[in-house]
Amino acid sequence: MSTKELHRAKAQKIGEKFEAIYLMKLTEAQARKVVSTIYEEIRGDKLYQATARAFLTKWLESKNPPVIAASSHKRYTNAVDKLSVSWASGRTATSRMSTKRT
């Protein structure tokens, strides 16, 4: 694994942080927070994070016609709305999105 850092001392510091994460056996939430902190230290800006609902809503806003056909936009809107209803009812609160077809 490469840190893609050109300065040896910085690369060493990043590597040590990643090794510490590995050894600590963090939960997903803890690992995300640590990686986000490391990213911010390196890049100087925050790591983008969004819930699936927020991401899909923002994505849908960027796809208004004429970017895509009105019929496609309507289909996508309906899909996001159905997911939002599922999220609100808690049916998918702990479910992970998957690309695997069943």
PDB file of N, CA and C in Angstrom:
ATOM      1  N   MET A   1       0.843  -1.175   0.000  1.00  0.00           N
ATOM      2  CA  MET A   1       0.000   0.000   0.000  1.00  0.00           C
ATOM      3  C   MET A   1       0.887   1.236   0.000  1.00  0.00           C
ATOM      4  N   SER A   2       0.512   2.205  -0.783  1.00  0.00           N
ATOM      5  CA  SER A   2       1.281   3.439  -0.870  1.00  0.00           C
ATOM      6  C   SER A   2       0.489   4.595  -0.271  1.00  0.00           C
ATOM      7  N   THR A   3       1.186   5.486   0.408  1.00  0.00           N
ATOM      8  CA  THR A   3       0.541   6.693   0.922  1.00  0.00           C
ATOM      9  C   THR A   3       0.491   7.771  -0.148  1.00  0.00           C
ATOM     10  N   LYS A   4       1.265   7.580  -1.216  1.00  0.00           N
ATOM     11  CA  LYS A   4       1.398   8.543  -2.315  1.00  0.00           C
ATOM     12  C   LYS A   4       1.984   9.878  -1.840  1.00  0.00           C
ATOM     13  N   GLU A   5       2.641   9.823  -0.703  1.00  0.00           N
ATOM     14  CA  GLU A   5       3.288  11.006  -0.135  1.00  0.00           C
ATOM     15  C   GLU A   5       4.743  11.026  -0.588  1.00  0.00           C
ATOM     16  N   LEU A   6       5.200  12.184  -1.058  1.00  0.00           N
ATOM     17  CA  LEU A   6       6.557  12.307  -1.569  1.00  0.00           C
ATOM     18  C   LEU A   6       7.597  12.520  -0.476  1.00  0.00           C
ATOM     19  N   HIS A   7       7.191  13.056   0.638  1.00  0.00           N
ATOM     20  CA  HIS A   7       8.111  13.321   1.736  1.00  0.00           C
ATOM     21  C   HIS A   7       8.148  12.121   2.681  1.00  0.00           C
ATOM     22  N   ARG A   8       9.335  11.591   2.881  1.00  0.00           N
ATOM     23  CA  ARG A   8       9.509  10.361   3.667  1.00  0.00           C
ATOM     24  C   ARG A   8       8.932  10.466   5.078  1.00  0.00           C
ATOM     25  N   ALA A   9       9.199  11.563   5.759  1.00  0.00           N
ATOM     26  CA  ALA A   9       8.729  11.708   7.144  1.00  0.00           C
ATOM     27  C   ALA A   9       7.203  11.715   7.213  1.00  0.00           C
ATOM     28  N   LYS A  10       6.575  12.416   6.279  1.00  0.00           N
ATOM     29  CA  LYS A  10       5.109  12.450   6.249  1.00  0.00           C
ATOM     30  C   LYS A  10       4.548  11.070   5.925  1.00  0.00           C
ATOM     31  N   ALA A  11       5.165  10.392   4.966  1.00  0.00           N
ATOM     32  CA  ALA A  11       4.723   9.053   4.584  1.00  0.00           C
ATOM     33  C   ALA A  11       4.833   8.095   5.766  1.00  0.00           C
ATOM     34  N   GLN A  12       5.920   8.212   6.519  1.00  0.00           N
ATOM     35  CA  GLN A  12       6.121   7.362   7.689  1.00  0.00           C
ATOM     36  C   GLN A  12       5.032   7.612   8.722  1.00  0.00           C
ATOM     37  N   LYS A  13       4.706   8.875   8.961  1.00  0.00           N
ATOM     38  CA  LYS A  13       3.679   9.233   9.941  1.00  0.00           C
ATOM     39  C   LYS A  13       2.317   8.669   9.522  1.00  0.00           C
ATOM     40  N   ILE A  14       1.985   8.788   8.243  1.00  0.00           N
ATOM     41  CA  ILE A  14       0.716   8.263   7.728  1.00  0.00           C
ATOM     42  C   ILE A  14       0.685   6.745   7.886  1.00  0.00           C
ATOM     43  N   GLY A  15       1.769   6.094   7.503  1.00  0.00           N
ATOM     44  CA  GLY A  15       1.849   4.640   7.623  1.00  0.00           C
ATOM     45  C   GLY A  15       1.677   4.166   9.052  1.00  0.00           C
ATOM     46  N   GLU A  16       2.280   4.871   9.981  1.00  0.00           N
ATOM     47  CA  GLU A  16       2.155   4.517  11.395  1.00  0.00           C
ATOM     48  C   GLU A  16       0.714   4.645  11.873  1.00  0.00           C
ATOM     49  N   LYS A  17       0.021   5.672  11.407  1.00  0.00           N
ATOM     50  CA  LYS A  17      -1.384   5.852  11.799  1.00  0.00           C
ATOM     51  C   LYS A  17      -2.241   4.717  11.247  1.00  0.00           C
ATOM     52  N   PHE A  18      -2.005   4.340   9.995  1.00  0.00           N
ATOM     53  CA  PHE A  18      -2.770   3.241   9.416  1.00  0.00           C
ATOM     54  C   PHE A  18      -2.473   1.923  10.146  1.00  0.00           C
ATOM     55  N   GLU A  19      -1.221   1.720  10.525  1.00  0.00           N
ATOM     56  CA  GLU A  19      -0.871   0.506  11.254  1.00  0.00           C
ATOM     57  C   GLU A  19      -1.564   0.487  12.614  1.00  0.00           C
ATOM     58  N   ALA A  20      -1.629   1.621  13.270  1.00  0.00           N
ATOM     59  CA  ALA A  20      -2.311   1.705  14.563  1.00  0.00           C
ATOM     60  C   ALA A  20      -3.789   1.367  14.416  1.00  0.00           C
ATOM     61  N   ILE A  21      -4.404   1.856  13.338  1.00  0.00           N
ATOM     62  CA  ILE A  21      -5.814   1.549  13.081  1.00  0.00           C
ATOM     63  C   ILE A  21      -5.988   0.046  12.934  1.00  0.00           C
ATOM     64  N   TYR A  22      -5.114  -0.563  12.159  1.00  0.00           N
ATOM     65  CA  TYR A  22      -5.194  -2.000  11.923  1.00  0.00           C
ATOM     66  C   TYR A  22      -5.075  -2.783  13.225  1.00  0.00           C
ATOM     67  N   LEU A  23      -4.131  -2.413  14.044  1.00  0.00           N
ATOM     68  CA  LEU A  23      -3.877  -3.141  15.289  1.00  0.00           C
ATOM     69  C   LEU A  23      -4.986  -2.955  16.319  1.00  0.00           C
ATOM     70  N   MET A  24      -5.700  -1.855  16.248  1.00  0.00           N
ATOM     71  CA  MET A  24      -6.737  -1.560  17.234  1.00  0.00           C
ATOM     72  C   MET A  24      -8.043  -2.308  16.964  1.00  0.00           C
ATOM     73  N   LYS A  25      -8.217  -2.846  15.762  1.00  0.00           N
ATOM     74  CA  LYS A  25      -9.442  -3.574  15.407  1.00  0.00           C
ATOM     75  C   LYS A  25     -10.672  -2.695  15.675  1.00  0.00           C
ATOM     76  N   LEU A  26     -10.666  -1.508  15.091  1.00  0.00           N
ATOM     77  CA  LEU A  26     -11.727  -0.531  15.314  1.00  0.00           C
ATOM     78  C   LEU A  26     -13.052  -0.964  14.699  1.00  0.00           C
ATOM     79  N   THR A  27     -14.119  -0.409  15.245  1.00  0.00           N
ATOM     80  CA  THR A  27     -15.422  -0.581  14.619  1.00  0.00           C
ATOM     81  C   THR A  27     -15.443   0.252  13.345  1.00  0.00           C
ATOM     82  N   GLU A  28     -16.440   0.045  12.509  1.00  0.00           N
ATOM     83  CA  GLU A  28     -16.536   0.805  11.263  1.00  0.00           C
ATOM     84  C   GLU A  28     -16.605   2.310  11.534  1.00  0.00           C
ATOM     85  N   ALA A  29     -17.422   2.714  12.483  1.00  0.00           N
ATOM     86  CA  ALA A  29     -17.574   4.138  12.788  1.00  0.00           C
ATOM     87  C   ALA A  29     -16.261   4.743  13.290  1.00  0.00           C
ATOM     88  N   GLN A  30     -15.546   4.000  14.136  1.00  0.00           N
ATOM     89  CA  GLN A  30     -14.273   4.496  14.656  1.00  0.00           C
ATOM     90  C   GLN A  30     -13.246   4.612  13.530  1.00  0.00           C
ATOM     91  N   ALA A  31     -13.212   3.609  12.652  1.00  0.00           N
ATOM     92  CA  ALA A  31     -12.263   3.628  11.540  1.00  0.00           C
ATOM     93  C   ALA A  31     -12.552   4.793  10.601  1.00  0.00           C
ATOM     94  N   ARG A  32     -13.819   5.042  10.318  1.00  0.00           N
ATOM     95  CA  ARG A  32     -14.179   6.171   9.450  1.00  0.00           C
ATOM     96  C   ARG A  32     -13.706   7.490  10.056  1.00  0.00           C
ATOM     97  N   LYS A  33     -13.886   7.641  11.361  1.00  0.00           N
ATOM     98  CA  LYS A  33     -13.477   8.881  12.025  1.00  0.00           C
ATOM     99  C   LYS A  33     -11.960   9.058  11.953  1.00  0.00           C
ATOM    100  N   VAL A  34     -11.216   7.988  12.211  1.00  0.00           N
ATOM    101  CA  VAL A  34      -9.762   8.078  12.176  1.00  0.00           C
ATOM    102  C   VAL A  34      -9.268   8.379  10.765  1.00  0.00           C
ATOM    103  N   VAL A  35      -9.802   7.672   9.769  1.00  0.00           N
ATOM    104  CA  VAL A  35      -9.392   7.911   8.383  1.00  0.00           C
ATOM    105  C   VAL A  35      -9.763   9.328   7.963  1.00  0.00           C
ATOM    106  N   SER A  36     -10.920   9.796   8.385  1.00  0.00           N
ATOM    107  CA  SER A  36     -11.335  11.158   8.078  1.00  0.00           C
ATOM    108  C   SER A  36     -10.362  12.181   8.673  1.00  0.00           C
ATOM    109  N   THR A  37      -9.920  11.933   9.897  1.00  0.00           N
ATOM    110  CA  THR A  37      -8.961  12.821  10.551  1.00  0.00           C
ATOM    111  C   THR A  37      -7.625  12.826   9.815  1.00  0.00           C
ATOM    112  N   ILE A  38      -7.158  11.632   9.447  1.00  0.00           N
ATOM    113  CA  ILE A  38      -5.894  11.532   8.708  1.00  0.00           C
ATOM    114  C   ILE A  38      -6.012  12.270   7.371  1.00  0.00           C
ATOM    115  N   TYR A  39      -7.118  12.069   6.673  1.00  0.00           N
ATOM    116  CA  TYR A  39      -7.350  12.732   5.380  1.00  0.00           C
ATOM    117  C   TYR A  39      -7.305  14.246   5.547  1.00  0.00           C
ATOM    118  N   GLU A  40      -7.957  14.741   6.593  1.00  0.00           N
ATOM    119  CA  GLU A  40      -7.993  16.182   6.834  1.00  0.00           C
ATOM    120  C   GLU A  40      -6.601  16.726   7.136  1.00  0.00           C
ATOM    121  N   GLU A  41      -5.804  15.974   7.900  1.00  0.00           N
ATOM    122  CA  GLU A  41      -4.430  16.400   8.205  1.00  0.00           C
ATOM    123  C   GLU A  41      -3.584  16.479   6.935  1.00  0.00           C
ATOM    124  N   ILE A  42      -3.778  15.515   6.042  1.00  0.00           N
ATOM    125  CA  ILE A  42      -2.982  15.447   4.819  1.00  0.00           C
ATOM    126  C   ILE A  42      -3.438  16.473   3.792  1.00  0.00           C
ATOM    127  N   ARG A  43      -4.738  16.515   3.542  1.00  0.00           N
ATOM    128  CA  ARG A  43      -5.284  17.338   2.463  1.00  0.00           C
ATOM    129  C   ARG A  43      -5.660  18.746   2.879  1.00  0.00           C
ATOM    130  N   GLY A  44      -5.933  18.937   4.163  1.00  0.00           N
ATOM    131  CA  GLY A  44      -6.330  20.259   4.626  1.00  0.00           C
ATOM    132  C   GLY A  44      -7.819  20.541   4.467  1.00  0.00           C
ATOM    133  N   ASP A  45      -8.576  19.574   3.960  1.00  0.00           N
ATOM    134  CA  ASP A  45     -10.027  19.739   3.861  1.00  0.00           C
ATOM    135  C   ASP A  45     -10.703  18.466   4.352  1.00  0.00           C
ATOM    136  N   LYS A  46     -11.978  18.576   4.631  1.00  0.00           N
ATOM    137  CA  LYS A  46     -12.712  17.455   5.205  1.00  0.00           C
ATOM    138  C   LYS A  46     -13.032  16.401   4.147  1.00  0.00           C
ATOM    139  N   LEU A  47     -13.063  15.158   4.586  1.00  0.00           N
ATOM    140  CA  LEU A  47     -13.447  14.042   3.740  1.00  0.00           C
ATOM    141  C   LEU A  47     -14.961  14.083   3.577  1.00  0.00           C
ATOM    142  N   TYR A  48     -15.424  14.002   2.335  1.00  0.00           N
ATOM    143  CA  TYR A  48     -16.860  14.055   2.068  1.00  0.00           C
ATOM    144  C   TYR A  48     -17.544  12.826   2.654  1.00  0.00           C
ATOM    145  N   GLN A  49     -18.588  13.053   3.418  1.00  0.00           N
ATOM    146  CA  GLN A  49     -19.376  11.971   3.992  1.00  0.00           C
ATOM    147  C   GLN A  49     -20.840  12.314   3.821  1.00  0.00           C
ATOM    148  N   ALA A  50     -21.623  11.342   3.463  1.00  0.00           N
ATOM    149  CA  ALA A  50     -23.058  11.554   3.333  1.00  0.00           C
ATOM    150  C   ALA A  50     -23.780  10.242   3.560  1.00  0.00           C
ATOM    151  N   THR A  51     -24.987  10.353   4.058  1.00  0.00           N
ATOM    152  CA  THR A  51     -25.829   9.166   4.130  1.00  0.00           C
ATOM    153  C   THR A  51     -26.241   8.815   2.712  1.00  0.00           C
ATOM    154  N   ALA A  52     -26.713   7.607   2.529  1.00  0.00           N
ATOM    155  CA  ALA A  52     -27.176   7.194   1.197  1.00  0.00           C
ATOM    156  C   ALA A  52     -28.305   8.104   0.736  1.00  0.00           C
ATOM    157  N   ARG A  53     -29.195   8.444   1.638  1.00  0.00           N
ATOM    158  CA  ARG A  53     -30.327   9.306   1.282  1.00  0.00           C
ATOM    159  C   ARG A  53     -29.845  10.682   0.816  1.00  0.00           C
ATOM    160  N   ALA A  54     -28.923  11.284   1.567  1.00  0.00           N
ATOM    161  CA  ALA A  54     -28.407  12.608   1.199  1.00  0.00           C
ATOM    162  C   ALA A  54     -27.651  12.553  -0.122  1.00  0.00           C
ATOM    163  N   PHE A  55     -26.850  11.499  -0.309  1.00  0.00           N
ATOM    164  CA  PHE A  55     -26.097  11.353  -1.549  1.00  0.00           C
ATOM    165  C   PHE A  55     -27.038  11.222  -2.743  1.00  0.00           C
ATOM    166  N   LEU A  56     -28.035  10.349  -2.636  1.00  0.00           N
ATOM    167  CA  LEU A  56     -28.961  10.137  -3.749  1.00  0.00           C
ATOM    168  C   LEU A  56     -29.783  11.387  -4.051  1.00  0.00           C
ATOM    169  N   THR A  57     -30.193  12.093  -3.014  1.00  0.00           N
ATOM    170  CA  THR A  57     -30.967  13.329  -3.220  1.00  0.00           C
ATOM    171  C   THR A  57     -30.126  14.368  -3.945  1.00  0.00           C
ATOM    172  N   LYS A  58     -28.887  14.546  -3.510  1.00  0.00           N
ATOM    173  CA  LYS A  58     -27.999  15.514  -4.169  1.00  0.00           C
ATOM    174  C   LYS A  58     -27.704  15.089  -5.602  1.00  0.00           C
ATOM    175  N   TRP A  59     -27.470  13.791  -5.796  1.00  0.00           N
ATOM    176  CA  TRP A  59     -27.194  13.271  -7.143  1.00  0.00           C
ATOM    177  C   TRP A  59     -28.388  13.518  -8.052  1.00  0.00           C
ATOM    178  N   LEU A  60     -29.588  13.252  -7.540  1.00  0.00           N
ATOM    179  CA  LEU A  60     -30.798  13.434  -8.336  1.00  0.00           C
ATOM    180  C   LEU A  60     -30.982  14.894  -8.739  1.00  0.00           C
ATOM    181  N   GLU A  61     -30.654  15.812  -7.844  1.00  0.00           N
ATOM    182  CA  GLU A  61     -30.769  17.241  -8.157  1.00  0.00           C
ATOM    183  C   GLU A  61     -29.851  17.640  -9.311  1.00  0.00           C
ATOM    184  N   SER A  62     -28.735  16.935  -9.457  1.00  0.00           N
ATOM    185  CA  SER A  62     -27.797  17.255 -10.536  1.00  0.00           C
ATOM    186  C   SER A  62     -28.204  16.637 -11.875  1.00  0.00           C
ATOM    187  N   LYS A  63     -29.250  15.821 -11.863  1.00  0.00           N
ATOM    188  CA  LYS A  63     -29.663  15.109 -13.069  1.00  0.00           C
ATOM    189  C   LYS A  63     -30.977  15.619 -13.654  1.00  0.00           C
ATOM    190  N   ASN A  64     -31.340  16.850 -13.330  1.00  0.00           N
ATOM    191  CA  ASN A  64     -32.570  17.398 -13.893  1.00  0.00           C
ATOM    192  C   ASN A  64     -32.490  17.479 -15.407  1.00  0.00           C
ATOM    193  N   PRO A  65     -33.653  17.337 -16.105  1.00  0.00           N
ATOM    194  CA  PRO A  65     -33.642  17.526 -17.561  1.00  0.00           C
ATOM    195  C   PRO A  65     -33.086  18.905 -17.882  1.00  0.00           C
ATOM    196  N   PRO A  66     -32.341  19.111 -18.922  1.00  0.00           N
ATOM    197  CA  PRO A  66     -32.103  18.205 -20.041  1.00  0.00           C
ATOM    198  C   PRO A  66     -30.892  17.288 -19.873  1.00  0.00           C
ATOM    199  N   VAL A  67     -30.290  17.220 -18.668  1.00  0.00           N
ATOM    200  CA  VAL A  67     -29.145  16.335 -18.460  1.00  0.00           C
ATOM    201  C   VAL A  67     -29.552  14.900 -18.767  1.00  0.00           C
ATOM    202  N   ILE A  68     -30.724  14.513 -18.296  1.00  0.00           N
ATOM    203  CA  ILE A  68     -31.288  13.207 -18.638  1.00  0.00           C
ATOM    204  C   ILE A  68     -32.724  13.416 -19.095  1.00  0.00           C
ATOM    205  N   ALA A  69     -33.294  12.416 -19.721  1.00  0.00           N
ATOM    206  CA  ALA A  69     -34.673  12.513 -20.190  1.00  0.00           C
ATOM    207  C   ALA A  69     -35.616  12.669 -19.003  1.00  0.00           C
ATOM    208  N   ALA A  70     -36.697  13.394 -19.229  1.00  0.00           N
ATOM    209  CA  ALA A  70     -37.678  13.626 -18.170  1.00  0.00           C
ATOM    210  C   ALA A  70     -38.224  12.306 -17.628  1.00  0.00           C
ATOM    211  N   SER A  71     -38.413  11.329 -18.508  1.00  0.00           N
ATOM    212  CA  SER A  71     -38.940  10.031 -18.069  1.00  0.00           C
ATOM    213  C   SER A  71     -37.942   9.318 -17.159  1.00  0.00           C
ATOM    214  N   SER A  72     -36.661   9.424 -17.467  1.00  0.00           N
ATOM    215  CA  SER A  72     -35.638   8.823 -16.615  1.00  0.00           C
ATOM    216  C   SER A  72     -35.603   9.516 -15.258  1.00  0.00           C
ATOM    217  N   HIS A  73     -35.681  10.848 -15.272  1.00  0.00           N
ATOM    218  CA  HIS A  73     -35.674  11.603 -14.022  1.00  0.00           C
ATOM    219  C   HIS A  73     -36.844  11.195 -13.144  1.00  0.00           C
ATOM    220  N   LYS A  74     -38.008  11.016 -13.755  1.00  0.00           N
ATOM    221  CA  LYS A  74     -39.192  10.617 -12.989  1.00  0.00           C
ATOM    222  C   LYS A  74     -38.990   9.230 -12.371  1.00  0.00           C
ATOM    223  N   ARG A  75     -38.427   8.301 -13.134  1.00  0.00           N
ATOM    224  CA  ARG A  75     -38.153   6.948 -12.625  1.00  0.00           C
ATOM    225  C   ARG A  75     -37.171   7.003 -11.455  1.00  0.00           C
ATOM    226  N   TYR A  76     -36.107   7.777 -11.614  1.00  0.00           N
ATOM    227  CA  TYR A  76     -35.109   7.907 -10.551  1.00  0.00           C
ATOM    228  C   TYR A  76     -35.721   8.547  -9.308  1.00  0.00           C
ATOM    229  N   THR A  77     -36.534   9.566  -9.511  1.00  0.00           N
ATOM    230  CA  THR A  77     -37.201  10.236  -8.388  1.00  0.00           C
ATOM    231  C   THR A  77     -38.081   9.255  -7.631  1.00  0.00           C
ATOM    232  N   ASN A  78     -38.849   8.451  -8.369  1.00  0.00           N
ATOM    233  CA  ASN A  78     -39.705   7.450  -7.731  1.00  0.00           C
ATOM    234  C   ASN A  78     -38.880   6.444  -6.927  1.00  0.00           C
ATOM    235  N   ALA A  79     -37.739   6.028  -7.475  1.00  0.00           N
ATOM    236  CA  ALA A  79     -36.879   5.066  -6.777  1.00  0.00           C
ATOM    237  C   ALA A  79     -36.329   5.664  -5.486  1.00  0.00           C
ATOM    238  N   VAL A  80     -35.866   6.904  -5.543  1.00  0.00           N
ATOM    239  CA  VAL A  80     -35.337   7.569  -4.341  1.00  0.00           C
ATOM    240  C   VAL A  80     -36.455   7.762  -3.324  1.00  0.00           C
ATOM    241  N   ASP A  81     -37.650   8.130  -3.792  1.00  0.00           N
ATOM    242  CA  ASP A  81     -38.788   8.294  -2.883  1.00  0.00           C
ATOM    243  C   ASP A  81     -39.130   6.980  -2.184  1.00  0.00           C
ATOM    244  N   LYS A  82     -39.115   5.870  -2.932  1.00  0.00           N
ATOM    245  CA  LYS A  82     -39.415   4.566  -2.330  1.00  0.00           C
ATOM    246  C   LYS A  82     -38.368   4.197  -1.292  1.00  0.00           C
ATOM    247  N   LEU A  83     -37.116   4.466  -1.597  1.00  0.00           N
ATOM    248  CA  LEU A  83     -36.060   4.199  -0.619  1.00  0.00           C
ATOM    249  C   LEU A  83     -36.239   5.058   0.624  1.00  0.00           C
ATOM    250  N   SER A  84     -36.622   6.312   0.434  1.00  0.00           N
ATOM    251  CA  SER A  84     -36.820   7.212   1.576  1.00  0.00           C
ATOM    252  C   SER A  84     -37.935   6.710   2.479  1.00  0.00           C
ATOM    253  N   VAL A  85     -38.998   6.180   1.879  1.00  0.00           N
ATOM    254  CA  VAL A  85     -40.095   5.623   2.669  1.00  0.00           C
ATOM    255  C   VAL A  85     -39.598   4.413   3.452  1.00  0.00           C
ATOM    256  N   SER A  86     -38.789   3.568   2.801  1.00  0.00           N
ATOM    257  CA  SER A  86     -38.232   2.394   3.486  1.00  0.00           C
ATOM    258  C   SER A  86     -37.332   2.821   4.637  1.00  0.00           C
ATOM    259  N   TRP A  87     -36.485   3.836   4.397  1.00  0.00           N
ATOM    260  CA  TRP A  87     -35.598   4.318   5.451  1.00  0.00           C
ATOM    261  C   TRP A  87     -36.398   4.888   6.613  1.00  0.00           C
ATOM    262  N   ALA A  88     -37.459   5.625   6.288  1.00  0.00           N
ATOM    263  CA  ALA A  88     -38.270   6.243   7.334  1.00  0.00           C
ATOM    264  C   ALA A  88     -38.947   5.184   8.194  1.00  0.00           C
ATOM    265  N   SER A  89     -39.320   4.062   7.580  1.00  0.00           N
ATOM    266  CA  SER A  89     -39.981   3.006   8.341  1.00  0.00           C
ATOM    267  C   SER A  89     -38.978   2.110   9.051  1.00  0.00           C
ATOM    268  N   GLY A  90     -37.680   2.318   8.768  1.00  0.00           N
ATOM    269  CA  GLY A  90     -36.645   1.549   9.432  1.00  0.00           C
ATOM    270  C   GLY A  90     -36.363   0.206   8.797  1.00  0.00           C
ATOM    271  N   ARG A  91     -37.018  -0.105   7.683  1.00  0.00           N
ATOM    272  CA  ARG A  91     -36.824  -1.412   7.063  1.00  0.00           C
ATOM    273  C   ARG A  91     -35.418  -1.596   6.524  1.00  0.00           C
ATOM    274  N   THR A  92     -34.760  -0.514   6.108  1.00  0.00           N
ATOM    275  CA  THR A  92     -33.415  -0.653   5.558  1.00  0.00           C
ATOM    276  C   THR A  92     -32.388   0.087   6.409  1.00  0.00           C
ATOM    277  N   ALA A  93     -32.756   0.415   7.627  1.00  0.00           N
ATOM    278  CA  ALA A  93     -31.857   1.206   8.475  1.00  0.00           C
ATOM    279  C   ALA A  93     -30.501   0.533   8.663  1.00  0.00           C
ATOM    280  N   THR A  94     -30.496  -0.790   8.759  1.00  0.00           N
ATOM    281  CA  THR A  94     -29.220  -1.479   8.955  1.00  0.00           C
ATOM    282  C   THR A  94     -28.802  -2.261   7.727  1.00  0.00           C
ATOM    283  N   SER A  95     -29.564  -2.163   6.667  1.00  0.00           N
ATOM    284  CA  SER A  95     -29.219  -2.887   5.439  1.00  0.00           C
ATOM    285  C   SER A  95     -28.130  -2.180   4.690  1.00  0.00           C
ATOM    286  N   ARG A  96     -27.313  -2.954   4.018  1.00  0.00           N
ATOM    287  CA  ARG A  96     -26.255  -2.387   3.182  1.00  0.00           C
ATOM    288  C   ARG A  96     -26.694  -2.468   1.736  1.00  0.00           C
ATOM    289  N   MET A  97     -26.313  -1.457   0.971  1.00  0.00           N
ATOM    290  CA  MET A  97     -26.621  -1.471  -0.446  1.00  0.00           C
ATOM    291  C   MET A  97     -25.691  -2.473  -1.120  1.00  0.00           C
ATOM    292  N   SER A  98     -26.199  -3.197  -2.088  1.00  0.00           N
ATOM    293  CA  SER A  98     -25.410  -4.211  -2.763  1.00  0.00           C
ATOM    294  C   SER A  98     -25.684  -4.136  -4.264  1.00  0.00           C
ATOM    295  N   THR A  99     -24.670  -4.445  -5.049  1.00  0.00           N
ATOM    296  CA  THR A  99     -24.855  -4.494  -6.488  1.00  0.00           C
ATOM    297  C   THR A  99     -25.129  -5.915  -6.952  1.00  0.00           C
ATOM    298  N   LYS A 100     -25.125  -6.863  -6.025  1.00  0.00           N
ATOM    299  CA  LYS A 100     -25.363  -8.262  -6.361  1.00  0.00           C
ATOM    300  C   LYS A 100     -26.830  -8.475  -6.688  1.00  0.00           C
ATOM    301  N   ARG A 101     -27.084  -9.102  -7.807  1.00  0.00           N
ATOM    302  CA  ARG A 101     -28.466  -9.392  -8.202  1.00  0.00           C
ATOM    303  C   ARG A 101     -28.866 -10.738  -7.630  1.00  0.00           C
ATOM    304  N   THR A 102     -30.107 -10.810  -7.170  1.00  0.00           N
ATOM    305  CA  THR A 102     -30.580 -12.076  -6.611  1.00  0.00           C
ATOM    306  C   THR A 102     -31.599 -12.709  -7.513  1.00  0.00           C
TER     307      THR A 102
END
